[in-house]
Amino acid sequence: MKVQDIMNEVAVIKKDIKLIEIAKIFADENISSLVLIQRKRLKGIVTERDVVRNIESLNKKFTDVMTKDVITILPNKDLDEAAEIMRINGVKRLLVADKDDTLVGIVTVTDLIANADMLNSSASFF
């Protein structure tokens, strides 16, 4: 099975906002990450963990706490490869970008667990 078969829509913002606003979006939209896109370029990602780590400073901006070196995967890659990338990098989310670096989705560790029966039995992810 391919990443494109299980990926989800990614939540995107286009301006730098405060963590308090991000927390509200997470709660209202029942999501756990937001991606910042500016001038059609991926700038970074903020997750629930980032908000919790900065709970005493919710006036900080997205760009103050975002992960800039975001790991991506092509949509036509196998789930096993996605699992291995997550394992090696210690991440729970991979942004999915096409060959032109256009963001097309997100795949999470929860998505992989839900599709564990499609992973190669020799995968060392779990």
PDB file of N, CA and C in Angstrom:
ATOM      1  N   MET A   1       0.849  -1.170   0.000  1.00  0.00           N
ATOM      2  CA  MET A   1       0.000   0.000   0.000  1.00  0.00           C
ATOM      3  C   MET A   1       0.899   1.238   0.000  1.00  0.00           C
ATOM      4  N   LYS A   2       0.425   2.287  -0.620  1.00  0.00           N
ATOM      5  CA  LYS A   2       1.193   3.524  -0.773  1.00  0.00           C
ATOM      6  C   LYS A   2       0.728   4.600   0.213  1.00  0.00           C
ATOM      7  N   VAL A   3       1.604   5.526   0.480  1.00  0.00           N
ATOM      8  CA  VAL A   3       1.303   6.652   1.359  1.00  0.00           C
ATOM      9  C   VAL A   3       0.060   7.389   0.877  1.00  0.00           C
ATOM     10  N   GLN A   4      -0.061   7.596  -0.423  1.00  0.00           N
ATOM     11  CA  GLN A   4      -1.206   8.328  -0.978  1.00  0.00           C
ATOM     12  C   GLN A   4      -2.544   7.649  -0.677  1.00  0.00           C
ATOM     13  N   ASP A   5      -2.510   6.351  -0.386  1.00  0.00           N
ATOM     14  CA  ASP A   5      -3.736   5.619  -0.098  1.00  0.00           C
ATOM     15  C   ASP A   5      -4.275   5.896   1.301  1.00  0.00           C
ATOM     16  N   ILE A   6      -3.423   6.365   2.198  1.00  0.00           N
ATOM     17  CA  ILE A   6      -3.881   6.586   3.576  1.00  0.00           C
ATOM     18  C   ILE A   6      -3.675   8.018   4.065  1.00  0.00           C
ATOM     19  N   MET A   7      -3.008   8.866   3.269  1.00  0.00           N
ATOM     20  CA  MET A   7      -2.709  10.226   3.733  1.00  0.00           C
ATOM     21  C   MET A   7      -3.996  11.015   3.939  1.00  0.00           C
ATOM     22  N   ASN A   8      -3.881  12.036   4.767  1.00  0.00           N
ATOM     23  CA  ASN A   8      -4.998  12.915   5.092  1.00  0.00           C
ATOM     24  C   ASN A   8      -4.698  14.328   4.628  1.00  0.00           C
ATOM     25  N   GLU A   9      -5.738  15.127   4.614  1.00  0.00           N
ATOM     26  CA  GLU A   9      -5.572  16.542   4.293  1.00  0.00           C
ATOM     27  C   GLU A   9      -4.769  17.191   5.414  1.00  0.00           C
ATOM     28  N   VAL A  10      -3.900  18.083   5.037  1.00  0.00           N
ATOM     29  CA  VAL A  10      -3.064  18.770   6.023  1.00  0.00           C
ATOM     30  C   VAL A  10      -3.643  20.154   6.298  1.00  0.00           C
ATOM     31  N   ALA A  11      -3.634  20.542   7.572  1.00  0.00           N
ATOM     32  CA  ALA A  11      -4.133  21.861   7.964  1.00  0.00           C
ATOM     33  C   ALA A  11      -3.018  22.881   7.762  1.00  0.00           C
ATOM     34  N   VAL A  12      -3.323  23.924   7.005  1.00  0.00           N
ATOM     35  CA  VAL A  12      -2.319  24.915   6.602  1.00  0.00           C
ATOM     36  C   VAL A  12      -2.762  26.307   7.034  1.00  0.00           C
ATOM     37  N   ILE A  13      -1.786  27.091   7.484  1.00  0.00           N
ATOM     38  CA  ILE A  13      -2.009  28.518   7.703  1.00  0.00           C
ATOM     39  C   ILE A  13      -1.021  29.271   6.827  1.00  0.00           C
ATOM     40  N   LYS A  14      -1.322  30.536   6.577  1.00  0.00           N
ATOM     41  CA  LYS A  14      -0.471  31.321   5.684  1.00  0.00           C
ATOM     42  C   LYS A  14       0.130  32.550   6.339  1.00  0.00           C
ATOM     43  N   LYS A  15      -0.122  32.695   7.652  1.00  0.00           N
ATOM     44  CA  LYS A  15       0.487  33.816   8.362  1.00  0.00           C
ATOM     45  C   LYS A  15       0.944  33.346   9.735  1.00  0.00           C
ATOM     46  N   ASP A  16       1.896  34.053  10.282  1.00  0.00           N
ATOM     47  CA  ASP A  16       2.456  33.743  11.594  1.00  0.00           C
ATOM     48  C   ASP A  16       1.433  34.119  12.662  1.00  0.00           C
ATOM     49  N   ILE A  17       1.016  33.154  13.478  1.00  0.00           N
ATOM     50  CA  ILE A  17       0.040  33.419  14.524  1.00  0.00           C
ATOM     51  C   ILE A  17       0.581  32.956  15.864  1.00  0.00           C
ATOM     52  N   LYS A  18      -0.056  33.409  16.945  1.00  0.00           N
ATOM     53  CA  LYS A  18       0.377  33.063  18.298  1.00  0.00           C
ATOM     54  C   LYS A  18      -0.069  31.654  18.673  1.00  0.00           C
ATOM     55  N   LEU A  19       0.664  31.083  19.617  1.00  0.00           N
ATOM     56  CA  LEU A  19       0.345  29.732  20.083  1.00  0.00           C
ATOM     57  C   LEU A  19      -1.053  29.632  20.668  1.00  0.00           C
ATOM     58  N   ILE A  20      -1.532  30.668  21.301  1.00  0.00           N
ATOM     59  CA  ILE A  20      -2.888  30.640  21.865  1.00  0.00           C
ATOM     60  C   ILE A  20      -3.919  30.445  20.748  1.00  0.00           C
ATOM     61  N   GLU A  21      -3.671  31.059  19.593  1.00  0.00           N
ATOM     62  CA  GLU A  21      -4.566  30.884  18.446  1.00  0.00           C
ATOM     63  C   GLU A  21      -4.440  29.468  17.870  1.00  0.00           C
ATOM     64  N   ILE A  22      -3.231  28.958  17.867  1.00  0.00           N
ATOM     65  CA  ILE A  22      -2.995  27.598  17.379  1.00  0.00           C
ATOM     66  C   ILE A  22      -3.722  26.602  18.271  1.00  0.00           C
ATOM     67  N   ALA A  23      -3.621  26.775  19.577  1.00  0.00           N
ATOM     68  CA  ALA A  23      -4.299  25.877  20.515  1.00  0.00           C
ATOM     69  C   ALA A  23      -5.805  25.876  20.271  1.00  0.00           C
ATOM     70  N   LYS A  24      -6.364  27.029  19.998  1.00  0.00           N
ATOM     71  CA  LYS A  24      -7.808  27.133  19.718  1.00  0.00           C
ATOM     72  C   LYS A  24      -8.156  26.398  18.426  1.00  0.00           C
ATOM     73  N   ILE A  25      -7.332  26.555  17.419  1.00  0.00           N
ATOM     74  CA  ILE A  25      -7.564  25.844  16.149  1.00  0.00           C
ATOM     75  C   ILE A  25      -7.500  24.336  16.378  1.00  0.00           C
ATOM     76  N   PHE A  26      -6.504  23.880  17.130  1.00  0.00           N
ATOM     77  CA  PHE A  26      -6.385  22.443  17.436  1.00  0.00           C
ATOM     78  C   PHE A  26      -7.677  21.928  18.079  1.00  0.00           C
ATOM     79  N   ALA A  27      -8.171  22.665  19.060  1.00  0.00           N
ATOM     80  CA  ALA A  27      -9.375  22.244  19.774  1.00  0.00           C
ATOM     81  C   ALA A  27     -10.618  22.313  18.883  1.00  0.00           C
ATOM     82  N   ASP A  28     -10.786  23.420  18.170  1.00  0.00           N
ATOM     83  CA  ASP A  28     -11.980  23.613  17.340  1.00  0.00           C
ATOM     84  C   ASP A  28     -12.047  22.642  16.168  1.00  0.00           C
ATOM     85  N   GLU A  29     -10.890  22.356  15.574  1.00  0.00           N
ATOM     86  CA  GLU A  29     -10.849  21.527  14.368  1.00  0.00           C
ATOM     87  C   GLU A  29     -10.495  20.060  14.651  1.00  0.00           C
ATOM     88  N   ASN A  30     -10.212  19.745  15.917  1.00  0.00           N
ATOM     89  CA  ASN A  30      -9.820  18.389  16.311  1.00  0.00           C
ATOM     90  C   ASN A  30      -8.632  17.891  15.491  1.00  0.00           C
ATOM     91  N   ILE A  31      -7.588  18.721  15.453  1.00  0.00           N
ATOM     92  CA  ILE A  31      -6.351  18.378  14.747  1.00  0.00           C
ATOM     93  C   ILE A  31      -5.186  18.506  15.718  1.00  0.00           C
ATOM     94  N   SER A  32      -4.033  18.008  15.308  1.00  0.00           N
ATOM     95  CA  SER A  32      -2.890  18.031  16.221  1.00  0.00           C
ATOM     96  C   SER A  32      -1.638  18.660  15.617  1.00  0.00           C
ATOM     97  N   SER A  33      -1.782  19.240  14.425  1.00  0.00           N
ATOM     98  CA  SER A  33      -0.641  19.930  13.823  1.00  0.00           C
ATOM     99  C   SER A  33      -1.125  20.959  12.822  1.00  0.00           C
ATOM    100  N   LEU A  34      -0.300  21.962  12.618  1.00  0.00           N
ATOM    101  CA  LEU A  34      -0.538  23.006  11.622  1.00  0.00           C
ATOM    102  C   LEU A  34       0.750  23.252  10.865  1.00  0.00           C
ATOM    103  N   VAL A  35       0.610  23.511   9.589  1.00  0.00           N
ATOM    104  CA  VAL A  35       1.757  23.770   8.723  1.00  0.00           C
ATOM    105  C   VAL A  35       1.680  25.212   8.237  1.00  0.00           C
ATOM    106  N   LEU A  36       2.816  25.885   8.252  1.00  0.00           N
ATOM    107  CA  LEU A  36       2.897  27.254   7.747  1.00  0.00           C
ATOM    108  C   LEU A  36       3.435  27.234   6.321  1.00  0.00           C
ATOM    109  N   ILE A  37       2.657  27.809   5.415  1.00  0.00           N
ATOM    110  CA  ILE A  37       3.049  27.950   4.013  1.00  0.00           C
ATOM    111  C   ILE A  37       3.080  29.442   3.696  1.00  0.00           C
ATOM    112  N   GLN A  38       4.194  29.918   3.169  1.00  0.00           N
ATOM    113  CA  GLN A  38       4.298  31.310   2.734  1.00  0.00           C
ATOM    114  C   GLN A  38       4.950  31.345   1.366  1.00  0.00           C
ATOM    115  N   ARG A  39       4.350  32.088   0.461  1.00  0.00           N
ATOM    116  CA  ARG A  39       4.836  32.183  -0.927  1.00  0.00           C
ATOM    117  C   ARG A  39       5.009  30.794  -1.544  1.00  0.00           C
ATOM    118  N   LYS A  40       4.019  29.944  -1.267  1.00  0.00           N
ATOM    119  CA  LYS A  40       3.955  28.578  -1.799  1.00  0.00           C
ATOM    120  C   LYS A  40       5.084  27.680  -1.318  1.00  0.00           C
ATOM    121  N   ARG A  41       5.762  28.104  -0.246  1.00  0.00           N
ATOM    122  CA  ARG A  41       6.860  27.303   0.285  1.00  0.00           C
ATOM    123  C   ARG A  41       6.541  26.873   1.713  1.00  0.00           C
ATOM    124  N   LEU A  42       6.892  25.642   2.016  1.00  0.00           N
ATOM    125  CA  LEU A  42       6.721  25.087   3.345  1.00  0.00           C
ATOM    126  C   LEU A  42       7.738  25.727   4.285  1.00  0.00           C
ATOM    127  N   LYS A  43       7.246  26.365   5.343  1.00  0.00           N
ATOM    128  CA  LYS A  43       8.126  27.040   6.298  1.00  0.00           C
ATOM    129  C   LYS A  43       8.346  26.220   7.558  1.00  0.00           C
ATOM    130  N   GLY A  44       7.306  25.501   8.021  1.00  0.00           N
ATOM    131  CA  GLY A  44       7.466  24.723   9.234  1.00  0.00           C
ATOM    132  C   GLY A  44       6.168  24.114   9.708  1.00  0.00           C
ATOM    133  N   ILE A  45       6.280  23.340  10.790  1.00  0.00           N
ATOM    134  CA  ILE A  45       5.127  22.668  11.381  1.00  0.00           C
ATOM    135  C   ILE A  45       5.149  22.882  12.888  1.00  0.00           C
ATOM    136  N   VAL A  46       3.968  23.040  13.473  1.00  0.00           N
ATOM    137  CA  VAL A  46       3.791  23.100  14.918  1.00  0.00           C
ATOM    138  C   VAL A  46       2.802  22.000  15.290  1.00  0.00           C
ATOM    139  N   THR A  47       3.124  21.281  16.362  1.00  0.00           N
ATOM    140  CA  THR A  47       2.271  20.194  16.824  1.00  0.00           C
ATOM    141  C   THR A  47       1.746  20.497  18.226  1.00  0.00           C
ATOM    142  N   GLU A  48       0.832  19.648  18.681  1.00  0.00           N
ATOM    143  CA  GLU A  48       0.324  19.787  20.053  1.00  0.00           C
ATOM    144  C   GLU A  48       1.460  19.760  21.060  1.00  0.00           C
ATOM    145  N   ARG A  49       2.428  18.920  20.817  1.00  0.00           N
ATOM    146  CA  ARG A  49       3.576  18.813  21.731  1.00  0.00           C
ATOM    147  C   ARG A  49       4.295  20.159  21.835  1.00  0.00           C
ATOM    148  N   ASP A  50       4.441  20.869  20.726  1.00  0.00           N
ATOM    149  CA  ASP A  50       5.095  22.183  20.752  1.00  0.00           C
ATOM    150  C   ASP A  50       4.303  23.170  21.605  1.00  0.00           C
ATOM    151  N   VAL A  51       2.984  23.114  21.493  1.00  0.00           N
ATOM    152  CA  VAL A  51       2.140  24.007  22.291  1.00  0.00           C
ATOM    153  C   VAL A  51       2.294  23.680  23.771  1.00  0.00           C
ATOM    154  N   VAL A  52       2.235  22.388  24.114  1.00  0.00           N
ATOM    155  CA  VAL A  52       2.363  21.980  25.517  1.00  0.00           C
ATOM    156  C   VAL A  52       3.722  22.382  26.081  1.00  0.00           C
ATOM    157  N   ARG A  53       4.777  22.201  25.303  1.00  0.00           N
ATOM    158  CA  ARG A  53       6.122  22.572  25.767  1.00  0.00           C
ATOM    159  C   ARG A  53       6.253  24.069  26.033  1.00  0.00           C
ATOM    160  N   ASN A  54       5.377  24.848  25.411  1.00  0.00           N
ATOM    161  CA  ASN A  54       5.436  26.303  25.555  1.00  0.00           C
ATOM    162  C   ASN A  54       4.191  26.849  26.239  1.00  0.00           C
ATOM    163  N   ILE A  55       3.558  26.048  27.076  1.00  0.00           N
ATOM    164  CA  ILE A  55       2.285  26.408  27.697  1.00  0.00           C
ATOM    165  C   ILE A  55       2.367  27.691  28.521  1.00  0.00           C
ATOM    166  N   GLU A  56       3.539  27.999  29.057  1.00  0.00           N
ATOM    167  CA  GLU A  56       3.700  29.217  29.845  1.00  0.00           C
ATOM    168  C   GLU A  56       3.987  30.436  28.975  1.00  0.00           C
ATOM    169  N   SER A  57       4.110  30.233  27.669  1.00  0.00           N
ATOM    170  CA  SER A  57       4.441  31.336  26.753  1.00  0.00           C
ATOM    171  C   SER A  57       3.540  31.295  25.521  1.00  0.00           C
ATOM    172  N   LEU A  58       2.244  31.270  25.731  1.00  0.00           N
ATOM    173  CA  LEU A  58       1.312  31.133  24.609  1.00  0.00           C
ATOM    174  C   LEU A  58       1.237  32.374  23.721  1.00  0.00           C
ATOM    175  N   ASN A  59       1.961  33.426  24.097  1.00  0.00           N
ATOM    176  CA  ASN A  59       2.030  34.599  23.231  1.00  0.00           C
ATOM    177  C   ASN A  59       3.155  34.478  22.207  1.00  0.00           C
ATOM    178  N   LYS A  60       3.954  33.407  22.316  1.00  0.00           N
ATOM    179  CA  LYS A  60       4.971  33.160  21.297  1.00  0.00           C
ATOM    180  C   LYS A  60       4.279  32.931  19.962  1.00  0.00           C
ATOM    181  N   LYS A  61       5.012  33.202  18.915  1.00  0.00           N
ATOM    182  CA  LYS A  61       4.468  33.013  17.566  1.00  0.00           C
ATOM    183  C   LYS A  61       4.830  31.642  17.020  1.00  0.00           C
ATOM    184  N   PHE A  62       4.078  31.240  16.016  1.00  0.00           N
ATOM    185  CA  PHE A  62       4.289  29.980  15.302  1.00  0.00           C
ATOM    186  C   PHE A  62       5.763  29.824  14.945  1.00  0.00           C
ATOM    187  N   THR A  63       6.325  30.870  14.353  1.00  0.00           N
ATOM    188  CA  THR A  63       7.707  30.804  13.869  1.00  0.00           C
ATOM    189  C   THR A  63       8.740  30.682  14.998  1.00  0.00           C
ATOM    190  N   ASP A  64       8.336  31.010  16.233  1.00  0.00           N
ATOM    191  CA  ASP A  64       9.250  30.886  17.371  1.00  0.00           C
ATOM    192  C   ASP A  64       9.432  29.438  17.810  1.00  0.00           C
ATOM    193  N   VAL A  65       8.440  28.597  17.538  1.00  0.00           N
ATOM    194  CA  VAL A  65       8.487  27.225  18.054  1.00  0.00           C
ATOM    195  C   VAL A  65       8.399  26.157  16.963  1.00  0.00           C
ATOM    196  N   MET A  66       8.198  26.559  15.735  1.00  0.00           N
ATOM    197  CA  MET A  66       7.995  25.585  14.664  1.00  0.00           C
ATOM    198  C   MET A  66       9.241  24.759  14.384  1.00  0.00           C
ATOM    199  N   THR A  67       9.012  23.569  13.875  1.00  0.00           N
ATOM    200  CA  THR A  67      10.089  22.744  13.356  1.00  0.00           C
ATOM    201  C   THR A  67      10.300  23.179  11.918  1.00  0.00           C
ATOM    202  N   LYS A  68      11.504  23.625  11.612  1.00  0.00           N
ATOM    203  CA  LYS A  68      11.794  24.152  10.276  1.00  0.00           C
ATOM    204  C   LYS A  68      12.232  23.062   9.308  1.00  0.00           C
ATOM    205  N   ASP A  69      12.982  22.110   9.798  1.00  0.00           N
ATOM    206  CA  ASP A  69      13.480  21.034   8.942  1.00  0.00           C
ATOM    207  C   ASP A  69      12.449  19.907   8.907  1.00  0.00           C
ATOM    208  N   VAL A  70      11.387  20.154   8.167  1.00  0.00           N
ATOM    209  CA  VAL A  70      10.262  19.217   8.111  1.00  0.00           C
ATOM    210  C   VAL A  70      10.611  18.063   7.177  1.00  0.00           C
ATOM    211  N   ILE A  71      10.318  16.872   7.631  1.00  0.00           N
ATOM    212  CA  ILE A  71      10.588  15.672   6.846  1.00  0.00           C
ATOM    213  C   ILE A  71       9.375  15.382   5.974  1.00  0.00           C
ATOM    214  N   THR A  72       9.630  15.137   4.696  1.00  0.00           N
ATOM    215  CA  THR A  72       8.546  14.839   3.764  1.00  0.00           C
ATOM    216  C   THR A  72       8.767  13.488   3.106  1.00  0.00           C
ATOM    217  N   ILE A  73       7.712  13.009   2.475  1.00  0.00           N
ATOM    218  CA  ILE A  73       7.769  11.757   1.731  1.00  0.00           C
ATOM    219  C   ILE A  73       6.920  11.920   0.479  1.00  0.00           C
ATOM    220  N   LEU A  74       7.297  11.233  -0.570  1.00  0.00           N
ATOM    221  CA  LEU A  74       6.521  11.260  -1.815  1.00  0.00           C
ATOM    222  C   LEU A  74       5.269  10.399  -1.648  1.00  0.00           C
ATOM    223  N   PRO A  75       4.173  10.779  -2.283  1.00  0.00           N
ATOM    224  CA  PRO A  75       2.919  10.029  -2.116  1.00  0.00           C
ATOM    225  C   PRO A  75       2.966   8.599  -2.653  1.00  0.00           C
ATOM    226  N   ASN A  76       3.854   8.311  -3.584  1.00  0.00           N
ATOM    227  CA  ASN A  76       3.898   6.978  -4.184  1.00  0.00           C
ATOM    228  C   ASN A  76       4.830   6.012  -3.448  1.00  0.00           C
ATOM    229  N   LYS A  77       5.342   6.421  -2.294  1.00  0.00           N
ATOM    230  CA  LYS A  77       6.225   5.553  -1.503  1.00  0.00           C
ATOM    231  C   LYS A  77       5.392   4.556  -0.694  1.00  0.00           C
ATOM    232  N   ASP A  78       5.984   3.401  -0.406  1.00  0.00           N
ATOM    233  CA  ASP A  78       5.314   2.366   0.375  1.00  0.00           C
ATOM    234  C   ASP A  78       5.172   2.777   1.833  1.00  0.00           C
ATOM    235  N   LEU A  79       4.167   2.222   2.498  1.00  0.00           N
ATOM    236  CA  LEU A  79       3.958   2.491   3.912  1.00  0.00           C
ATOM    237  C   LEU A  79       5.156   2.060   4.749  1.00  0.00           C
ATOM    238  N   ASP A  80       5.803   0.972   4.333  1.00  0.00           N
ATOM    239  CA  ASP A  80       6.996   0.514   5.060  1.00  0.00           C
ATOM    240  C   ASP A  80       8.072   1.593   5.084  1.00  0.00           C
ATOM    241  N   GLU A  81       8.231   2.293   3.984  1.00  0.00           N
ATOM    242  CA  GLU A  81       9.237   3.355   3.930  1.00  0.00           C
ATOM    243  C   GLU A  81       8.842   4.506   4.851  1.00  0.00           C
ATOM    244  N   ALA A  82       7.557   4.837   4.862  1.00  0.00           N
ATOM    245  CA  ALA A  82       7.078   5.896   5.758  1.00  0.00           C
ATOM    246  C   ALA A  82       7.343   5.512   7.213  1.00  0.00           C
ATOM    247  N   ALA A  83       7.045   4.271   7.565  1.00  0.00           N
ATOM    248  CA  ALA A  83       7.281   3.791   8.932  1.00  0.00           C
ATOM    249  C   ALA A  83       8.757   3.862   9.295  1.00  0.00           C
ATOM    250  N   GLU A  84       9.607   3.478   8.379  1.00  0.00           N
ATOM    251  CA  GLU A  84      11.043   3.489   8.628  1.00  0.00           C
ATOM    252  C   GLU A  84      11.562   4.921   8.798  1.00  0.00           C
ATOM    253  N   ILE A  85      11.084   5.845   7.983  1.00  0.00           N
ATOM    254  CA  ILE A  85      11.492   7.248   8.102  1.00  0.00           C
ATOM    255  C   ILE A  85      11.065   7.805   9.460  1.00  0.00           C
ATOM    256  N   MET A  86       9.837   7.473   9.878  1.00  0.00           N
ATOM    257  CA  MET A  86       9.366   7.931  11.186  1.00  0.00           C
ATOM    258  C   MET A  86      10.224   7.352  12.297  1.00  0.00           C
ATOM    259  N   ARG A  87      10.535   6.078  12.212  1.00  0.00           N
ATOM    260  CA  ARG A  87      11.324   5.416  13.243  1.00  0.00           C
ATOM    261  C   ARG A  87      12.720   6.026  13.350  1.00  0.00           C
ATOM    262  N   ILE A  88      13.373   6.172  12.228  1.00  0.00           N
ATOM    263  CA  ILE A  88      14.746   6.700  12.204  1.00  0.00           C
ATOM    264  C   ILE A  88      14.809   8.129  12.735  1.00  0.00           C
ATOM    265  N   ASN A  89      13.807   8.936  12.382  1.00  0.00           N
ATOM    266  CA  ASN A  89      13.819  10.355  12.746  1.00  0.00           C
ATOM    267  C   ASN A  89      13.061  10.667  14.034  1.00  0.00           C
ATOM    268  N   GLY A  90      12.412   9.669  14.614  1.00  0.00           N
ATOM    269  CA  GLY A  90      11.688   9.884  15.859  1.00  0.00           C
ATOM    270  C   GLY A  90      10.542  10.864  15.731  1.00  0.00           C
ATOM    271  N   VAL A  91       9.821  10.794  14.603  1.00  0.00           N
ATOM    272  CA  VAL A  91       8.694  11.692  14.381  1.00  0.00           C
ATOM    273  C   VAL A  91       7.402  10.884  14.273  1.00  0.00           C
ATOM    274  N   LYS A  92       6.291  11.564  14.499  1.00  0.00           N
ATOM    275  CA  LYS A  92       4.979  10.921  14.431  1.00  0.00           C
ATOM    276  C   LYS A  92       4.173  11.364  13.221  1.00  0.00           C
ATOM    277  N   ARG A  93       4.740  12.289  12.441  1.00  0.00           N
ATOM    278  CA  ARG A  93       4.046  12.811  11.266  1.00  0.00           C
ATOM    279  C   ARG A  93       5.036  12.995  10.124  1.00  0.00           C
ATOM    280  N   LEU A  94       4.565  12.695   8.932  1.00  0.00           N
ATOM    281  CA  LEU A  94       5.333  12.999   7.724  1.00  0.00           C
ATOM    282  C   LEU A  94       4.440  13.808   6.808  1.00  0.00           C
ATOM    283  N   LEU A  95       4.961  14.922   6.347  1.00  0.00           N
ATOM    284  CA  LEU A  95       4.226  15.671   5.339  1.00  0.00           C
ATOM    285  C   LEU A  95       4.461  14.991   4.003  1.00  0.00           C
ATOM    286  N   VAL A  96       3.428  14.959   3.193  1.00  0.00           N
ATOM    287  CA  VAL A  96       3.492  14.311   1.887  1.00  0.00           C
ATOM    288  C   VAL A  96       3.564  15.410   0.830  1.00  0.00           C
ATOM    289  N   ALA A  97       4.633  15.375   0.040  1.00  0.00           N
ATOM    290  CA  ALA A  97       4.838  16.376  -1.010  1.00  0.00           C
ATOM    291  C   ALA A  97       5.133  15.655  -2.317  1.00  0.00           C
ATOM    292  N   ASP A  98       4.627  16.215  -3.406  1.00  0.00           N
ATOM    293  CA  ASP A  98       4.881  15.597  -4.705  1.00  0.00           C
ATOM    294  C   ASP A  98       6.276  15.954  -5.204  1.00  0.00           C
ATOM    295  N   LYS A  99       6.612  15.489  -6.389  1.00  0.00           N
ATOM    296  CA  LYS A  99       7.970  15.693  -6.917  1.00  0.00           C
ATOM    297  C   LYS A  99       8.309  17.161  -7.140  1.00  0.00           C
ATOM    298  N   ASP A 100       7.280  18.034  -7.213  1.00  0.00           N
ATOM    299  CA  ASP A 100       7.497  19.469  -7.362  1.00  0.00           C
ATOM    300  C   ASP A 100       7.508  20.186  -6.015  1.00  0.00           C
ATOM    301  N   ASP A 101       7.567  19.402  -4.921  1.00  0.00           N
ATOM    302  CA  ASP A 101       7.542  19.927  -3.550  1.00  0.00           C
ATOM    303  C   ASP A 101       6.238  20.623  -3.188  1.00  0.00           C
ATOM    304  N   THR A 102       5.154  20.260  -3.867  1.00  0.00           N
ATOM    305  CA  THR A 102       3.838  20.781  -3.516  1.00  0.00           C
ATOM    306  C   THR A 102       3.263  19.898  -2.423  1.00  0.00           C
ATOM    307  N   LEU A 103       2.865  20.509  -1.327  1.00  0.00           N
ATOM    308  CA  LEU A 103       2.306  19.780  -0.204  1.00  0.00           C
ATOM    309  C   LEU A 103       0.951  19.195  -0.604  1.00  0.00           C
ATOM    310  N   VAL A 104       0.800  17.878  -0.434  1.00  0.00           N
ATOM    311  CA  VAL A 104      -0.453  17.219  -0.845  1.00  0.00           C
ATOM    312  C   VAL A 104      -1.152  16.494   0.299  1.00  0.00           C
ATOM    313  N   GLY A 105      -0.510  16.355   1.459  1.00  0.00           N
ATOM    314  CA  GLY A 105      -1.155  15.663   2.562  1.00  0.00           C
ATOM    315  C   GLY A 105      -0.220  15.439   3.730  1.00  0.00           C
ATOM    316  N   ILE A 106      -0.708  14.618   4.655  1.00  0.00           N
ATOM    317  CA  ILE A 106       0.059  14.256   5.841  1.00  0.00           C
ATOM    318  C   ILE A 106      -0.268  12.813   6.186  1.00  0.00           C
ATOM    319  N   VAL A 107       0.720  12.098   6.671  1.00  0.00           N
ATOM    320  CA  VAL A 107       0.511  10.735   7.165  1.00  0.00           C
ATOM    321  C   VAL A 107       1.088  10.693   8.578  1.00  0.00           C
ATOM    322  N   THR A 108       0.342  10.080   9.492  1.00  0.00           N
ATOM    323  CA  THR A 108       0.744  10.047  10.888  1.00  0.00           C
ATOM    324  C   THR A 108       0.985   8.608  11.336  1.00  0.00           C
ATOM    325  N   VAL A 109       1.602   8.501  12.496  1.00  0.00           N
ATOM    326  CA  VAL A 109       1.825   7.176  13.064  1.00  0.00           C
ATOM    327  C   VAL A 109       0.485   6.489  13.313  1.00  0.00           C
ATOM    328  N   THR A 110      -0.540   7.233  13.654  1.00  0.00           N
ATOM    329  CA  THR A 110      -1.874   6.660  13.848  1.00  0.00           C
ATOM    330  C   THR A 110      -2.393   6.061  12.551  1.00  0.00           C
ATOM    331  N   ASP A 111      -2.133   6.730  11.431  1.00  0.00           N
ATOM    332  CA  ASP A 111      -2.541   6.190  10.126  1.00  0.00           C
ATOM    333  C   ASP A 111      -1.832   4.866   9.858  1.00  0.00           C
ATOM    334  N   LEU A 112      -0.554   4.805  10.200  1.00  0.00           N
ATOM    335  CA  LEU A 112       0.208   3.571   9.980  1.00  0.00           C
ATOM    336  C   LEU A 112      -0.301   2.451  10.879  1.00  0.00           C
ATOM    337  N   ILE A 113      -0.585   2.767  12.122  1.00  0.00           N
ATOM    338  CA  ILE A 113      -1.109   1.749  13.038  1.00  0.00           C
ATOM    339  C   ILE A 113      -2.449   1.221  12.530  1.00  0.00           C
ATOM    340  N   ALA A 114      -3.291   2.125  12.038  1.00  0.00           N
ATOM    341  CA  ALA A 114      -4.595   1.713  11.510  1.00  0.00           C
ATOM    342  C   ALA A 114      -4.449   0.800  10.300  1.00  0.00           C
ATOM    343  N   ASN A 115      -3.313   0.880   9.631  1.00  0.00           N
ATOM    344  CA  ASN A 115      -3.062   0.073   8.439  1.00  0.00           C
ATOM    345  C   ASN A 115      -1.893  -0.890   8.650  1.00  0.00           C
ATOM    346  N   ALA A 116      -1.659  -1.280   9.888  1.00  0.00           N
ATOM    347  CA  ALA A 116      -0.523  -2.135  10.229  1.00  0.00           C
ATOM    348  C   ALA A 116      -0.537  -3.447   9.458  1.00  0.00           C
ATOM    349  N   ASP A 117      -1.712  -3.929   9.122  1.00  0.00           N
ATOM    350  CA  ASP A 117      -1.789  -5.189   8.371  1.00  0.00           C
ATOM    351  C   ASP A 117      -1.215  -5.046   6.964  1.00  0.00           C
ATOM    352  N   MET A 118      -1.003  -3.823   6.502  1.00  0.00           N
ATOM    353  CA  MET A 118      -0.449  -3.585   5.170  1.00  0.00           C
ATOM    354  C   MET A 118       1.069  -3.381   5.206  1.00  0.00           C
ATOM    355  N   LEU A 119       1.636  -3.349   6.415  1.00  0.00           N
ATOM    356  CA  LEU A 119       3.081  -3.190   6.541  1.00  0.00           C
ATOM    357  C   LEU A 119       3.766  -4.535   6.362  1.00  0.00           C
ATOM    358  N   ASN A 120       4.960  -4.503   5.841  1.00  0.00           N
ATOM    359  CA  ASN A 120       5.776  -5.693   5.683  1.00  0.00           C
ATOM    360  C   ASN A 120       6.034  -6.286   7.068  1.00  0.00           C
ATOM    361  N   SER A 121       5.898  -7.557   7.206  1.00  0.00           N
ATOM    362  CA  SER A 121       6.051  -8.201   8.518  1.00  0.00           C
ATOM    363  C   SER A 121       7.451  -8.039   9.092  1.00  0.00           C
ATOM    364  N   SER A 122       8.430  -7.696   8.273  1.00  0.00           N
ATOM    365  CA  SER A 122       9.786  -7.497   8.784  1.00  0.00           C
ATOM    366  C   SER A 122      10.061  -6.042   9.159  1.00  0.00           C
ATOM    367  N   ALA A 123       9.067  -5.187   9.024  1.00  0.00           N
ATOM    368  CA  ALA A 123       9.253  -3.772   9.382  1.00  0.00           C
ATOM    369  C   ALA A 123       9.579  -3.652  10.854  1.00  0.00           C
ATOM    370  N   SER A 124      10.514  -2.801  11.195  1.00  0.00           N
ATOM    371  CA  SER A 124      10.975  -2.667  12.570  1.00  0.00           C
ATOM    372  C   SER A 124      10.378  -1.431  13.224  1.00  0.00           C
ATOM    373  N   PHE A 125       9.235  -0.976  12.756  1.00  0.00           N
ATOM    374  CA  PHE A 125       8.633   0.255  13.265  1.00  0.00           C
ATOM    375  C   PHE A 125       7.994   0.049  14.631  1.00  0.00           C
ATOM    376  N   PHE A 126       7.253  -1.031  14.789  1.00  0.00           N
ATOM    377  CA  PHE A 126       6.471  -1.227  16.019  1.00  0.00           C
ATOM    378  C   PHE A 126       7.207  -2.028  17.049  1.00  0.00           C
TER     379      PHE A 126
END
